[in-house]
C-alpha atoms as a PDB file:
ATOM      1  CA  UNK A   1      99.958  14.604 -63.466  1.00  0.00           C
ATOM      2  CA  UNK A   2      98.146  17.832 -62.577  1.00  0.00           C
ATOM      3  CA  UNK A   3      97.182  18.385 -66.216  1.00  0.00           C
ATOM      4  CA  UNK A   4      95.570  14.933 -66.409  1.00  0.00           C
ATOM      5  CA  UNK A   5      93.600  15.657 -63.252  1.00  0.00           C
ATOM      6  CA  UNK A   6      92.369  19.005 -64.614  1.00  0.00           C
ATOM      7  CA  UNK A   7      91.345  17.439 -67.942  1.00  0.00           C
ATOM      8  CA  UNK A   8      89.509  14.624 -66.119  1.00  0.00           C
ATOM      9  CA  UNK A   9      87.652  17.105 -63.894  1.00  0.00           C
ATOM     10  CA  UNK A  10      86.753  19.211 -66.944  1.00  0.00           C
ATOM     11  CA  UNK A  11      85.412  16.134 -68.747  1.00  0.00           C
ATOM     12  CA  UNK A  12      83.401  15.125 -65.692  1.00  0.00           C
ATOM     13  CA  UNK A  13      81.931  18.615 -65.455  1.00  0.00           C
ATOM     14  CA  UNK A  14      80.926  18.562 -69.132  1.00  0.00           C
ATOM     15  CA  UNK A  15      79.358  15.130 -68.719  1.00  0.00           C
ATOM     16  CA  UNK A  16      77.176  16.284 -65.801  1.00  0.00           C
ATOM     17  CA  UNK A  17      76.162  19.456 -67.619  1.00  0.00           C
ATOM     18  CA  UNK A  18      75.066  17.537 -70.720  1.00  0.00           C
ATOM     19  CA  UNK A  19      73.250  14.888 -68.678  1.00  0.00           C
ATOM     20  CA  UNK A  20      71.323  17.558 -66.764  1.00  0.00           C
ATOM     21  CA  UNK A  21      70.342  19.275 -70.008  1.00  0.00           C
ATOM     22  CA  UNK A  22      69.050  15.956 -71.404  1.00  0.00           C
ATOM     23  CA  UNK A  23      66.892  15.397 -68.335  1.00  0.00           C
ATOM     24  CA  UNK A  24      65.483  18.921 -68.455  1.00  0.00           C
ATOM     25  CA  UNK A  25      64.667  18.545 -72.142  1.00  0.00           C
ATOM     26  CA  UNK A  26      62.918  15.217 -71.527  1.00  0.00           C
ATOM     27  CA  UNK A  27      60.896  16.720 -68.684  1.00  0.00           C
ATOM     28  CA  UNK A  28      59.840  19.711 -70.813  1.00  0.00           C
ATOM     29  CA  UNK A  29      58.842  17.367 -73.629  1.00  0.00           C
ATOM     30  CA  UNK A  30      56.766  15.315 -71.207  1.00  0.00           C
ATOM     31  CA  UNK A  31      55.013  18.431 -69.919  1.00  0.00           C
ATOM     32  CA  UNK A  32      54.215  19.720 -73.386  1.00  0.00           C
ATOM     33  CA  UNK A  33      52.976  16.309 -74.626  1.00  0.00           C
ATOM     34  CA  UNK A  34      50.672  15.699 -71.660  1.00  0.00           C
ATOM     35  CA  UNK A  35      49.235  19.222 -71.443  1.00  0.00           C
ATOM     36  CA  UNK A  36      45.727  18.703 -72.773  1.00  0.00           C
ATOM     37  CA  UNK A  37      42.161  19.293 -71.735  1.00  0.00           C
ATOM     38  CA  UNK A  38      41.182  17.121 -68.773  1.00  0.00           C
ATOM     39  CA  UNK A  39      44.679  16.736 -67.356  1.00  0.00           C
ATOM     40  CA  UNK A  40      45.146  17.377 -63.648  1.00  0.00           C
ATOM     41  CA  UNK A  41      47.969  19.854 -63.055  1.00  0.00           C
ATOM     42  CA  UNK A  42      49.898  21.438 -60.210  1.00  0.00           C
ATOM     43  CA  UNK A  43      51.390  24.865 -60.765  1.00  0.00           C
ATOM     44  CA  UNK A  44      54.754  25.999 -59.490  1.00  0.00           C
ATOM     45  CA  UNK A  45      52.969  28.119 -56.881  1.00  0.00           C
ATOM     46  CA  UNK A  46      51.028  25.147 -55.489  1.00  0.00           C
ATOM     47  CA  UNK A  47      47.607  25.489 -57.131  1.00  0.00           C
ATOM     48  CA  UNK A  48      45.903  22.278 -58.228  1.00  0.00           C
ATOM     49  CA  UNK A  49      43.288  22.073 -60.945  1.00  0.00           C
ATOM     50  CA  UNK A  50      42.048  20.558 -64.179  1.00  0.00           C
ATOM     51  CA  UNK A  51      42.956  21.950 -67.598  1.00  0.00           C
ATOM     52  CA  UNK A  52      39.863  23.227 -69.413  1.00  0.00           C
ATOM     53  CA  UNK A  53      41.501  25.062 -72.333  1.00  0.00           C
ATOM     54  CA  UNK A  54      44.979  25.163 -73.876  1.00  0.00           C
ATOM     55  CA  UNK A  55      45.904  28.047 -76.163  1.00  0.00           C
ATOM     56  CA  UNK A  56      48.302  26.297 -78.555  1.00  0.00           C
ATOM     57  CA  UNK A  57      49.282  29.510 -80.369  1.00  0.00           C
ATOM     58  CA  UNK A  58      49.893  31.507 -77.226  1.00  0.00           C
ATOM     59  CA  UNK A  59      51.171  30.825 -73.783  1.00  0.00           C
ATOM     60  CA  UNK A  60      47.922  30.668 -71.837  1.00  0.00           C
ATOM     61  CA  UNK A  61      46.314  27.693 -70.123  1.00  0.00           C
ATOM     62  CA  UNK A  62      42.908  27.846 -68.456  1.00  0.00           C
ATOM     63  CA  UNK A  63      42.711  25.770 -65.281  1.00  0.00           C
ATOM     64  CA  UNK A  64      39.555  25.038 -63.305  1.00  0.00           C
ATOM     65  CA  UNK A  65      40.538  25.029 -59.623  1.00  0.00           C
ATOM     66  CA  UNK A  66      37.055  24.497 -58.180  1.00  0.00           C
ATOM     67  CA  UNK A  67      33.760  23.996 -59.987  1.00  0.00           C
ATOM     68  CA  UNK A  68      32.965  27.291 -61.680  1.00  0.00           C
ATOM     69  CA  UNK A  69      36.327  28.944 -60.906  1.00  0.00           C
ATOM     70  CA  UNK A  70      38.638  29.244 -63.912  1.00  0.00           C
ATOM     71  CA  UNK A  71      42.149  30.671 -63.731  1.00  0.00           C
ATOM     72  CA  UNK A  72      44.216  31.679 -66.759  1.00  0.00           C
ATOM     73  CA  UNK A  73      47.910  30.994 -66.126  1.00  0.00           C
ATOM     74  CA  UNK A  74      51.166  31.033 -68.065  1.00  0.00           C
ATOM     75  CA  UNK A  75      52.096  27.708 -69.623  1.00  0.00           C
ATOM     76  CA  UNK A  76      55.510  27.621 -67.926  1.00  0.00           C
ATOM     77  CA  UNK A  77      54.059  27.809 -64.406  1.00  0.00           C
ATOM     78  CA  UNK A  78      52.824  24.207 -64.669  1.00  0.00           C
ATOM     79  CA  UNK A  79      55.115  22.023 -62.581  1.00  0.00           C
ATOM     80  CA  UNK A  80      53.442  18.597 -62.734  1.00  0.00           C
ATOM     81  CA  UNK A  81      50.864  16.960 -64.954  1.00  0.00           C
ATOM     82  CA  UNK A  82      48.738  13.865 -64.496  1.00  0.00           C
ATOM     83  CA  UNK A  83      47.234  12.623 -67.751  1.00  0.00           C
ATOM     84  CA  UNK A  84      43.438  12.422 -67.911  1.00  0.00           C
ATOM     85  CA  UNK A  85      41.979   9.205 -66.515  1.00  0.00           C
ATOM     86  CA  UNK A  86      41.859   6.393 -69.035  1.00  0.00           C
ATOM     87  CA  UNK A  87      44.805   7.723 -71.037  1.00  0.00           C
ATOM     88  CA  UNK A  88      48.384   6.600 -70.817  1.00  0.00           C
ATOM     89  CA  UNK A  89      50.959   9.361 -70.434  1.00  0.00           C
ATOM     90  CA  UNK A  90      52.505  10.286 -73.765  1.00  0.00           C
ATOM     91  CA  UNK A  91      56.258   9.642 -73.934  1.00  0.00           C
ATOM     92  CA  UNK A  92      57.992   9.960 -77.296  1.00  0.00           C
ATOM     93  CA  UNK A  93      59.743   6.739 -78.298  1.00  0.00           C
ATOM     94  CA  UNK A  94      63.056   8.480 -78.998  1.00  0.00           C
ATOM     95  CA  UNK A  95      63.150  10.015 -75.513  1.00  0.00           C
ATOM     96  CA  UNK A  96      61.774   6.993 -73.647  1.00  0.00           C
ATOM     97  CA  UNK A  97      65.220   6.028 -72.319  1.00  0.00           C
ATOM     98  CA  UNK A  98      65.940   9.584 -71.157  1.00  0.00           C
ATOM     99  CA  UNK A  99      62.476   9.949 -69.622  1.00  0.00           C
ATOM    100  CA  UNK A 100      63.037   6.793 -67.579  1.00  0.00           C
ATOM    101  CA  UNK A 101      66.103   8.447 -66.004  1.00  0.00           C
ATOM    102  CA  UNK A 102      63.997  11.214 -64.482  1.00  0.00           C
ATOM    103  CA  UNK A 103      63.516  10.563 -60.793  1.00  0.00           C
ATOM    104  CA  UNK A 104      59.833  10.884 -60.004  1.00  0.00           C
ATOM    105  CA  UNK A 105      58.105   9.229 -57.106  1.00  0.00           C
ATOM    106  CA  UNK A 106      55.907   6.350 -58.123  1.00  0.00           C
ATOM    107  CA  UNK A 107      52.485   7.030 -56.691  1.00  0.00           C
ATOM    108  CA  UNK A 108      49.940   4.280 -56.793  1.00  0.00           C
ATOM    109  CA  UNK A 109      46.515   5.394 -55.697  1.00  0.00           C
ATOM    110  CA  UNK A 110      43.674   3.018 -55.231  1.00  0.00           C
ATOM    111  CA  UNK A 111      40.071   4.071 -55.045  1.00  0.00           C
ATOM    112  CA  UNK A 112      39.928   2.630 -51.519  1.00  0.00           C
ATOM    113  CA  UNK A 113      42.593   5.086 -50.275  1.00  0.00           C
ATOM    114  CA  UNK A 114      40.680   8.148 -51.367  1.00  0.00           C
ATOM    115  CA  UNK A 115      38.365   9.546 -48.725  1.00  0.00           C
ATOM    116  CA  UNK A 116      34.927  10.655 -49.900  1.00  0.00           C
ATOM    117  CA  UNK A 117      34.809  14.381 -50.517  1.00  0.00           C
ATOM    118  CA  UNK A 118      32.283  16.508 -48.713  1.00  0.00           C
ATOM    119  CA  UNK A 119      30.899  19.838 -49.777  1.00  0.00           C
ATOM    120  CA  UNK A 120      31.140  23.081 -47.824  1.00  0.00           C
ATOM    121  CA  UNK A 121      27.440  22.904 -47.001  1.00  0.00           C
ATOM    122  CA  UNK A 122      27.858  19.414 -45.525  1.00  0.00           C
ATOM    123  CA  UNK A 123      30.855  20.552 -43.489  1.00  0.00           C
ATOM    124  CA  UNK A 124      28.929  23.579 -42.178  1.00  0.00           C
ATOM    125  CA  UNK A 125      26.022  21.320 -41.188  1.00  0.00           C
ATOM    126  CA  UNK A 126      28.377  18.961 -39.341  1.00  0.00           C
ATOM    127  CA  UNK A 127      30.020  21.840 -37.455  1.00  0.00           C
ATOM    128  CA  UNK A 128      26.619  23.297 -36.536  1.00  0.00           C
ATOM    129  CA  UNK A 129      25.500  19.905 -35.205  1.00  0.00           C
ATOM    130  CA  UNK A 130      28.638  19.711 -33.043  1.00  0.00           C
ATOM    131  CA  UNK A 131      28.016  23.210 -31.688  1.00  0.00           C
ATOM    132  CA  UNK A 132      24.409  22.328 -30.870  1.00  0.00           C
ATOM    133  CA  UNK A 133      25.489  19.123 -29.142  1.00  0.00           C
ATOM    134  CA  UNK A 134      27.990  21.044 -26.995  1.00  0.00           C
ATOM    135  CA  UNK A 135      25.368  23.634 -26.128  1.00  0.00           C
ATOM    136  CA  UNK A 136      22.887  20.924 -25.131  1.00  0.00           C
ATOM    137  CA  UNK A 137      25.522  19.114 -23.050  1.00  0.00           C
ATOM    138  CA  UNK A 138      26.446  22.340 -21.252  1.00  0.00           C
ATOM    139  CA  UNK A 139      22.777  23.109 -20.562  1.00  0.00           C
ATOM    140  CA  UNK A 140      22.235  19.588 -19.165  1.00  0.00           C
ATOM    141  CA  UNK A 141      25.244  19.813 -16.848  1.00  0.00           C
ATOM    142  CA  UNK A 142      24.185  23.264 -15.619  1.00  0.00           C
ATOM    143  CA  UNK A 143      20.680  21.966 -14.831  1.00  0.00           C
ATOM    144  CA  UNK A 144      22.059  19.018 -12.852  1.00  0.00           C
ATOM    145  CA  UNK A 145      24.450  21.293 -10.928  1.00  0.00           C
ATOM    146  CA  UNK A 146      21.524  23.519  -9.790  1.00  0.00           C
ATOM    147  CA  UNK A 147      19.597  20.579  -8.292  1.00  0.00           C
END
């Protein structure tokens, strides 16, 4: 009886190990297929950006984090990839069933949900206007207190 239990536990362990390896392989395949110029990526250290150059022979990827700022990173530091707009994510047909097993949150973004982006100059101008308004309010209350 104990031998049957040990064999069953060993078989269960092997099954989970093989299943995990399949999922990891499918995820790596997905990352390598979708890594192309224009794709939005997130690195393992939390940096977001857009791929501007992929060195196919080497291991370097150039990512533009902000306009005019390019960062060269190692290919394996990319944790997530969104395909460029207008393109469907590439999933090999043979691994389509394995790729569907990968648990990834389904994110549906509509253009209405996205807030308009403001530039640093616009933000500075808004903060300066708030400071001026506070200064004017304080000056008005001080003048009325003196009367």
